Amino acid sequence: MPKVKTHSRAKKTFKVSGTGKIRFRKPTRGHLLTKKSTRRKRALRITGEVNPANLDFVRRLLRLR
Protein backbone atom coordinates (compact mmCIF):
# COMPACT_ATOMS: atom_id res chain seq x y z
CA MET A 1 0.00 0.00 0.00
CA PRO A 2 1.41 3.48 -0.84
CA LYS A 3 2.40 6.05 1.75
CA VAL A 4 -0.31 8.49 2.78
CA LYS A 5 0.84 12.02 1.97
CA THR A 6 0.12 15.18 3.94
CA HIS A 7 -1.79 17.88 2.05
CA SER A 8 0.90 20.20 0.65
CA ARG A 9 -0.95 23.50 1.22
CA ALA A 10 -2.01 22.49 4.72
CA LYS A 11 1.53 21.78 5.89
CA LYS A 12 2.58 25.28 4.74
CA THR A 13 -0.46 27.00 6.25
CA PHE A 14 -0.96 25.39 9.67
CA LYS A 15 1.42 24.87 12.59
CA VAL A 16 0.72 22.77 15.66
CA SER A 17 1.52 24.50 18.95
CA GLY A 18 3.13 22.80 21.91
CA THR A 19 -0.25 22.31 23.57
CA GLY A 20 -1.71 20.73 20.42
CA LYS A 21 -3.67 23.71 19.12
CA ILE A 22 -3.55 24.33 15.38
CA ARG A 23 -2.54 27.90 14.48
CA PHE A 24 -2.48 29.80 11.18
CA ARG A 25 -1.44 33.23 9.88
CA LYS A 26 -4.40 35.52 9.23
CA PRO A 27 -5.01 36.48 5.59
CA THR A 28 -4.91 39.95 3.91
CA ARG A 29 -1.61 40.93 5.51
CA GLY A 30 0.61 40.43 2.48
CA HIS A 31 0.11 43.57 0.38
CA LEU A 32 -1.94 46.78 -0.04
CA LEU A 33 -1.22 47.72 3.57
CA THR A 34 -1.40 51.50 3.12
CA LYS A 35 -5.19 51.53 2.91
CA LYS A 36 -5.63 49.33 5.98
CA SER A 37 -5.85 50.99 9.37
CA THR A 38 -3.12 50.53 11.97
CA ARG A 39 -5.61 48.90 14.29
CA ARG A 40 -6.60 46.38 11.63
CA LYS A 41 -2.98 45.54 10.76
CA ARG A 42 -2.13 45.12 14.44
CA ALA A 43 -5.05 42.71 14.86
CA LEU A 44 -3.85 40.70 11.86
CA ARG A 45 -0.42 40.21 13.44
CA ILE A 46 -1.63 37.68 15.97
CA THR A 47 -2.05 34.15 14.68
CA GLY A 48 -5.50 32.63 14.40
CA GLU A 49 -6.63 29.39 15.93
CA VAL A 50 -8.62 26.82 13.95
CA ASN A 51 -12.31 26.79 14.86
CA PRO A 52 -13.42 23.59 16.66
CA ALA A 53 -15.97 23.01 13.89
CA ASN A 54 -13.13 22.69 11.34
CA LEU A 55 -10.61 20.96 13.59
CA ASP A 56 -11.32 17.40 12.41
CA PHE A 57 -11.02 18.46 8.76
CA VAL A 58 -7.68 20.23 9.30
CA ARG A 59 -6.31 17.32 11.33
CA ARG A 60 -7.21 14.99 8.47
CA LEU A 61 -5.36 17.24 6.00
CA LEU A 62 -2.30 17.23 8.26
CA ARG A 63 -2.62 13.48 8.92
CA LEU A 64 -2.55 14.00 12.71
CA ARG A 65 -4.83 11.12 13.58
PDB file of N, CA and C in Angstrom:
ATOM      1  N   MET A   1       0.842  -1.182   0.000  1.00  0.00           N
ATOM      2  CA  MET A   1       0.000   0.000   0.000  1.00  0.00           C
ATOM      3  C   MET A   1       0.893   1.253   0.000  1.00  0.00           C
ATOM      4  N   PRO A   2       0.542   2.295  -0.773  1.00  0.00           N
ATOM      5  CA  PRO A   2       1.408   3.477  -0.845  1.00  0.00           C
ATOM      6  C   PRO A   2       1.356   4.310   0.435  1.00  0.00           C
ATOM      7  N   LYS A   3       2.360   5.150   0.601  1.00  0.00           N
ATOM      8  CA  LYS A   3       2.396   6.049   1.753  1.00  0.00           C
ATOM      9  C   LYS A   3       1.279   7.075   1.630  1.00  0.00           C
ATOM     10  N   VAL A   4       0.734   7.459   2.757  1.00  0.00           N
ATOM     11  CA  VAL A   4      -0.308   8.486   2.780  1.00  0.00           C
ATOM     12  C   VAL A   4       0.394   9.831   2.915  1.00  0.00           C
ATOM     13  N   LYS A   5       0.144  10.728   1.974  1.00  0.00           N
ATOM     14  CA  LYS A   5       0.842  12.017   1.972  1.00  0.00           C
ATOM     15  C   LYS A   5       0.030  13.096   2.670  1.00  0.00           C
ATOM     16  N   THR A   6       0.739  14.012   3.321  1.00  0.00           N
ATOM     17  CA  THR A   6       0.122  15.183   3.936  1.00  0.00           C
ATOM     18  C   THR A   6      -0.257  16.160   2.837  1.00  0.00           C
ATOM     19  N   HIS A   7      -1.350  16.871   3.006  1.00  0.00           N
ATOM     20  CA  HIS A   7      -1.792  17.877   2.054  1.00  0.00           C
ATOM     21  C   HIS A   7      -0.757  19.001   1.994  1.00  0.00           C
ATOM     22  N   SER A   8      -0.229  19.280   0.804  1.00  0.00           N
ATOM     23  CA  SER A   8       0.898  20.202   0.653  1.00  0.00           C
ATOM     24  C   SER A   8       0.584  21.620   1.122  1.00  0.00           C
ATOM     25  N   ARG A   9      -0.595  22.134   0.796  1.00  0.00           N
ATOM     26  CA  ARG A   9      -0.948  23.499   1.219  1.00  0.00           C
ATOM     27  C   ARG A   9      -1.156  23.549   2.724  1.00  0.00           C
ATOM     28  N   ALA A  10      -1.723  22.508   3.287  1.00  0.00           N
ATOM     29  CA  ALA A  10      -2.012  22.489   4.725  1.00  0.00           C
ATOM     30  C   ALA A  10      -0.724  22.516   5.546  1.00  0.00           C
ATOM     31  N   LYS A  11       0.294  21.805   5.105  1.00  0.00           N
ATOM     32  CA  LYS A  11       1.534  21.781   5.894  1.00  0.00           C
ATOM     33  C   LYS A  11       2.257  23.122   5.858  1.00  0.00           C
ATOM     34  N   LYS A  12       1.980  23.942   4.806  1.00  0.00           N
ATOM     35  CA  LYS A  12       2.577  25.276   4.738  1.00  0.00           C
ATOM     36  C   LYS A  12       1.744  26.305   5.506  1.00  0.00           C
ATOM     37  N   THR A  13       0.458  26.036   5.661  1.00  0.00           N
ATOM     38  CA  THR A  13      -0.465  27.000   6.253  1.00  0.00           C
ATOM     39  C   THR A  13      -0.589  26.857   7.763  1.00  0.00           C
ATOM     40  N   PHE A  14      -0.668  25.626   8.260  1.00  0.00           N
ATOM     41  CA  PHE A  14      -0.960  25.389   9.668  1.00  0.00           C
ATOM     42  C   PHE A  14       0.268  24.910  10.424  1.00  0.00           C
ATOM     43  N   LYS A  15       0.360  25.336  11.691  1.00  0.00           N
ATOM     44  CA  LYS A  15       1.416  24.873  12.590  1.00  0.00           C
ATOM     45  C   LYS A  15       0.749  24.380  13.866  1.00  0.00           C
ATOM     46  N   VAL A  16       1.259  23.309  14.422  1.00  0.00           N
ATOM     47  CA  VAL A  16       0.719  22.766  15.664  1.00  0.00           C
ATOM     48  C   VAL A  16       1.535  23.320  16.814  1.00  0.00           C
ATOM     49  N   SER A  17       0.839  23.919  17.797  1.00  0.00           N
ATOM     50  CA  SER A  17       1.518  24.502  18.948  1.00  0.00           C
ATOM     51  C   SER A  17       1.940  23.392  19.910  1.00  0.00           C
ATOM     52  N   GLY A  18       2.663  23.766  20.925  1.00  0.00           N
ATOM     53  CA  GLY A  18       3.134  22.798  21.915  1.00  0.00           C
ATOM     54  C   GLY A  18       2.002  22.141  22.677  1.00  0.00           C
ATOM     55  N   THR A  19       0.898  22.862  22.843  1.00  0.00           N
ATOM     56  CA  THR A  19      -0.248  22.313  23.571  1.00  0.00           C
ATOM     57  C   THR A  19      -1.196  21.551  22.666  1.00  0.00           C
ATOM     58  N   GLY A  20      -0.894  21.496  21.352  1.00  0.00           N
ATOM     59  CA  GLY A  20      -1.707  20.725  20.422  1.00  0.00           C
ATOM     60  C   GLY A  20      -2.720  21.539  19.639  1.00  0.00           C
ATOM     61  N   LYS A  21      -2.758  22.861  19.882  1.00  0.00           N
ATOM     62  CA  LYS A  21      -3.673  23.713  19.121  1.00  0.00           C
ATOM     63  C   LYS A  21      -3.105  23.940  17.725  1.00  0.00           C
ATOM     64  N   ILE A  22      -3.985  24.106  16.756  1.00  0.00           N
ATOM     65  CA  ILE A  22      -3.545  24.333  15.380  1.00  0.00           C
ATOM     66  C   ILE A  22      -3.700  25.815  15.073  1.00  0.00           C
ATOM     67  N   ARG A  23      -2.580  26.458  14.719  1.00  0.00           N
ATOM     68  CA  ARG A  23      -2.540  27.896  14.481  1.00  0.00           C
ATOM     69  C   ARG A  23      -2.314  28.183  13.000  1.00  0.00           C
ATOM     70  N   PHE A  24      -2.706  29.391  12.557  1.00  0.00           N
ATOM     71  CA  PHE A  24      -2.478  29.804  11.180  1.00  0.00           C
ATOM     72  C   PHE A  24      -2.291  31.313  11.132  1.00  0.00           C
ATOM     73  N   ARG A  25      -1.647  31.800  10.081  1.00  0.00           N
ATOM     74  CA  ARG A  25      -1.441  33.231   9.878  1.00  0.00           C
ATOM     75  C   ARG A  25      -2.696  33.807   9.236  1.00  0.00           C
ATOM     76  N   LYS A  26      -3.174  34.924   9.760  1.00  0.00           N
ATOM     77  CA  LYS A  26      -4.400  35.522   9.230  1.00  0.00           C
ATOM     78  C   LYS A  26      -4.166  36.091   7.837  1.00  0.00           C
ATOM     79  N   PRO A  27      -5.172  35.986   6.960  1.00  0.00           N
ATOM     80  CA  PRO A  27      -5.007  36.480   5.589  1.00  0.00           C
ATOM     81  C   PRO A  27      -5.093  38.002   5.487  1.00  0.00           C
ATOM     82  N   THR A  28      -4.861  38.520   4.288  1.00  0.00           N
ATOM     83  CA  THR A  28      -4.910  39.945   3.907  1.00  0.00           C
ATOM     84  C   THR A  28      -3.833  40.779   4.578  1.00  0.00           C
ATOM     85  N   ARG A  29      -2.694  40.185   4.885  1.00  0.00           N
ATOM     86  CA  ARG A  29      -1.613  40.930   5.515  1.00  0.00           C
ATOM     87  C   ARG A  29      -0.408  41.033   4.583  1.00  0.00           C
ATOM     88  N   GLY A  30      -0.531  40.513   3.368  1.00  0.00           N
ATOM     89  CA  GLY A  30       0.612  40.434   2.476  1.00  0.00           C
ATOM     90  C   GLY A  30       0.906  41.677   1.667  1.00  0.00           C
ATOM     91  N   HIS A  31      -0.115  42.419   1.258  1.00  0.00           N
ATOM     92  CA  HIS A  31       0.113  43.572   0.380  1.00  0.00           C
ATOM     93  C   HIS A  31      -1.045  44.552   0.532  1.00  0.00           C
ATOM     94  N   LEU A  32      -0.940  45.697  -0.118  1.00  0.00           N
ATOM     95  CA  LEU A  32      -1.943  46.777  -0.037  1.00  0.00           C
ATOM     96  C   LEU A  32      -2.186  47.202   1.403  1.00  0.00           C
ATOM     97  N   LEU A  33      -1.104  47.412   2.144  1.00  0.00           N
ATOM     98  CA  LEU A  33      -1.220  47.716   3.568  1.00  0.00           C
ATOM     99  C   LEU A  33      -1.451  49.193   3.850  1.00  0.00           C
ATOM    100  N   THR A  34      -1.249  50.074   2.858  1.00  0.00           N
ATOM    101  CA  THR A  34      -1.397  51.502   3.119  1.00  0.00           C
ATOM    102  C   THR A  34      -2.851  51.885   3.357  1.00  0.00           C
ATOM    103  N   LYS A  35      -3.775  51.188   2.736  1.00  0.00           N
ATOM    104  CA  LYS A  35      -5.189  51.528   2.911  1.00  0.00           C
ATOM    105  C   LYS A  35      -5.804  50.907   4.153  1.00  0.00           C
ATOM    106  N   LYS A  36      -5.104  49.973   4.786  1.00  0.00           N
ATOM    107  CA  LYS A  36      -5.631  49.329   5.982  1.00  0.00           C
ATOM    108  C   LYS A  36      -5.225  50.131   7.216  1.00  0.00           C
ATOM    109  N   SER A  37      -6.123  50.204   8.169  1.00  0.00           N
ATOM    110  CA  SER A  37      -5.850  50.986   9.370  1.00  0.00           C
ATOM    111  C   SER A  37      -4.799  50.286  10.235  1.00  0.00           C
ATOM    112  N   THR A  38      -4.142  51.074  11.072  1.00  0.00           N
ATOM    113  CA  THR A  38      -3.121  50.534  11.967  1.00  0.00           C
ATOM    114  C   THR A  38      -3.739  49.520  12.916  1.00  0.00           C
ATOM    115  N   ARG A  39      -4.924  49.814  13.377  1.00  0.00           N
ATOM    116  CA  ARG A  39      -5.614  48.902  14.291  1.00  0.00           C
ATOM    117  C   ARG A  39      -5.886  47.554  13.627  1.00  0.00           C
ATOM    118  N   ARG A  40      -6.316  47.603  12.379  1.00  0.00           N
ATOM    119  CA  ARG A  40      -6.603  46.380  11.629  1.00  0.00           C
ATOM    120  C   ARG A  40      -5.337  45.571  11.394  1.00  0.00           C
ATOM    121  N   LYS A  41      -4.246  46.248  11.009  1.00  0.00           N
ATOM    122  CA  LYS A  41      -2.979  45.544  10.759  1.00  0.00           C
ATOM    123  C   LYS A  41      -2.431  44.927  12.043  1.00  0.00           C
ATOM    124  N   ARG A  42      -2.599  45.636  13.151  1.00  0.00           N
ATOM    125  CA  ARG A  42      -2.128  45.122  14.439  1.00  0.00           C
ATOM    126  C   ARG A  42      -2.919  43.877  14.831  1.00  0.00           C
ATOM    127  N   ALA A  43      -4.212  43.875  14.552  1.00  0.00           N
ATOM    128  CA  ALA A  43      -5.054  42.713  14.861  1.00  0.00           C
ATOM    129  C   ALA A  43      -4.697  41.517  13.991  1.00  0.00           C
ATOM    130  N   LEU A  44      -4.220  41.779  12.769  1.00  0.00           N
ATOM    131  CA  LEU A  44      -3.852  40.700  11.856  1.00  0.00           C
ATOM    132  C   LEU A  44      -2.500  40.070  12.196  1.00  0.00           C
ATOM    133  N   ARG A  45      -1.731  40.746  13.056  1.00  0.00           N
ATOM    134  CA  ARG A  45      -0.417  40.209  13.437  1.00  0.00           C
ATOM    135  C   ARG A  45      -0.531  38.909  14.227  1.00  0.00           C
ATOM    136  N   ILE A  46      -1.511  38.857  15.117  1.00  0.00           N
ATOM    137  CA  ILE A  46      -1.625  37.676  15.971  1.00  0.00           C
ATOM    138  C   ILE A  46      -2.165  36.492  15.161  1.00  0.00           C
ATOM    139  N   THR A  47      -1.651  35.324  15.444  1.00  0.00           N
ATOM    140  CA  THR A  47      -2.051  34.145  14.679  1.00  0.00           C
ATOM    141  C   THR A  47      -3.454  33.713  15.083  1.00  0.00           C
ATOM    142  N   GLY A  48      -4.156  33.129  14.139  1.00  0.00           N
ATOM    143  CA  GLY A  48      -5.496  32.628  14.404  1.00  0.00           C
ATOM    144  C   GLY A  48      -5.453  31.185  14.858  1.00  0.00           C
ATOM    145  N   GLU A  49      -6.528  30.763  15.483  1.00  0.00           N
ATOM    146  CA  GLU A  49      -6.635  29.387  15.934  1.00  0.00           C
ATOM    147  C   GLU A  49      -7.781  28.736  15.169  1.00  0.00           C
ATOM    148  N   VAL A  50      -7.605  27.509  14.750  1.00  0.00           N
ATOM    149  CA  VAL A  50      -8.622  26.820  13.951  1.00  0.00           C
ATOM    150  C   VAL A  50      -9.872  26.613  14.803  1.00  0.00           C
ATOM    151  N   ASN A  51     -11.019  26.934  14.211  1.00  0.00           N
ATOM    152  CA  ASN A  51     -12.306  26.790  14.863  1.00  0.00           C
ATOM    153  C   ASN A  51     -12.571  25.308  15.168  1.00  0.00           C
ATOM    154  N   PRO A  52     -13.130  25.002  16.341  1.00  0.00           N
ATOM    155  CA  PRO A  52     -13.419  23.594  16.665  1.00  0.00           C
ATOM    156  C   PRO A  52     -14.276  22.881  15.632  1.00  0.00           C
ATOM    157  N   ALA A  53     -15.130  23.623  14.915  1.00  0.00           N
ATOM    158  CA  ALA A  53     -15.970  23.008  13.890  1.00  0.00           C
ATOM    159  C   ALA A  53     -15.132  22.476  12.726  1.00  0.00           C
ATOM    160  N   ASN A  54     -13.985  23.098  12.456  1.00  0.00           N
ATOM    161  CA  ASN A  54     -13.129  22.693  11.343  1.00  0.00           C
ATOM    162  C   ASN A  54     -11.930  21.859  11.777  1.00  0.00           C
ATOM    163  N   LEU A  55     -11.799  21.613  13.056  1.00  0.00           N
ATOM    164  CA  LEU A  55     -10.609  20.957  13.591  1.00  0.00           C
ATOM    165  C   LEU A  55     -10.400  19.559  13.027  1.00  0.00           C
ATOM    166  N   ASP A  56     -11.449  18.764  12.932  1.00  0.00           N
ATOM    167  CA  ASP A  56     -11.315  17.400  12.407  1.00  0.00           C
ATOM    168  C   ASP A  56     -10.854  17.410  10.955  1.00  0.00           C
ATOM    169  N   PHE A  57     -11.389  18.348  10.173  1.00  0.00           N
ATOM    170  CA  PHE A  57     -11.016  18.461   8.763  1.00  0.00           C
ATOM    171  C   PHE A  57      -9.542  18.826   8.607  1.00  0.00           C
ATOM    172  N   VAL A  58      -9.080  19.790   9.388  1.00  0.00           N
ATOM    173  CA  VAL A  58      -7.681  20.229   9.297  1.00  0.00           C
ATOM    174  C   VAL A  58      -6.747  19.130   9.788  1.00  0.00           C
ATOM    175  N   ARG A  59      -7.136  18.438  10.840  1.00  0.00           N
ATOM    176  CA  ARG A  59      -6.313  17.319  11.332  1.00  0.00           C
ATOM    177  C   ARG A  59      -6.182  16.229  10.270  1.00  0.00           C
ATOM    178  N   ARG A  60      -7.262  15.997   9.524  1.00  0.00           N
ATOM    179  CA  ARG A  60      -7.211  14.992   8.471  1.00  0.00           C
ATOM    180  C   ARG A  60      -6.271  15.424   7.341  1.00  0.00           C
ATOM    181  N   LEU A  61      -6.279  16.733   7.017  1.00  0.00           N
ATOM    182  CA  LEU A  61      -5.359  17.237   5.998  1.00  0.00           C
ATOM    183  C   LEU A  61      -3.909  17.075   6.433  1.00  0.00           C
ATOM    184  N   LEU A  62      -3.658  17.318   7.723  1.00  0.00           N
ATOM    185  CA  LEU A  62      -2.296  17.228   8.257  1.00  0.00           C
ATOM    186  C   LEU A  62      -1.910  15.806   8.641  1.00  0.00           C
ATOM    187  N   ARG A  63      -2.853  14.883   8.548  1.00  0.00           N
ATOM    188  CA  ARG A  63      -2.619  13.479   8.924  1.00  0.00           C
ATOM    189  C   ARG A  63      -2.174  13.354  10.380  1.00  0.00           C
ATOM    190  N   LEU A  64      -2.900  14.018  11.291  1.00  0.00           N
ATOM    191  CA  LEU A  64      -2.547  13.995  12.705  1.00  0.00           C
ATOM    192  C   LEU A  64      -3.286  12.933  13.496  1.00  0.00           C
ATOM    193  N   ARG A  65      -4.050  12.118  12.840  1.00  0.00           N
ATOM    194  CA  ARG A  65      -4.828  11.117  13.579  1.00  0.00           C
ATOM    195  C   ARG A  65      -4.032   9.882  13.868  1.00  0.00           C
TER     196      ARG A  65
END
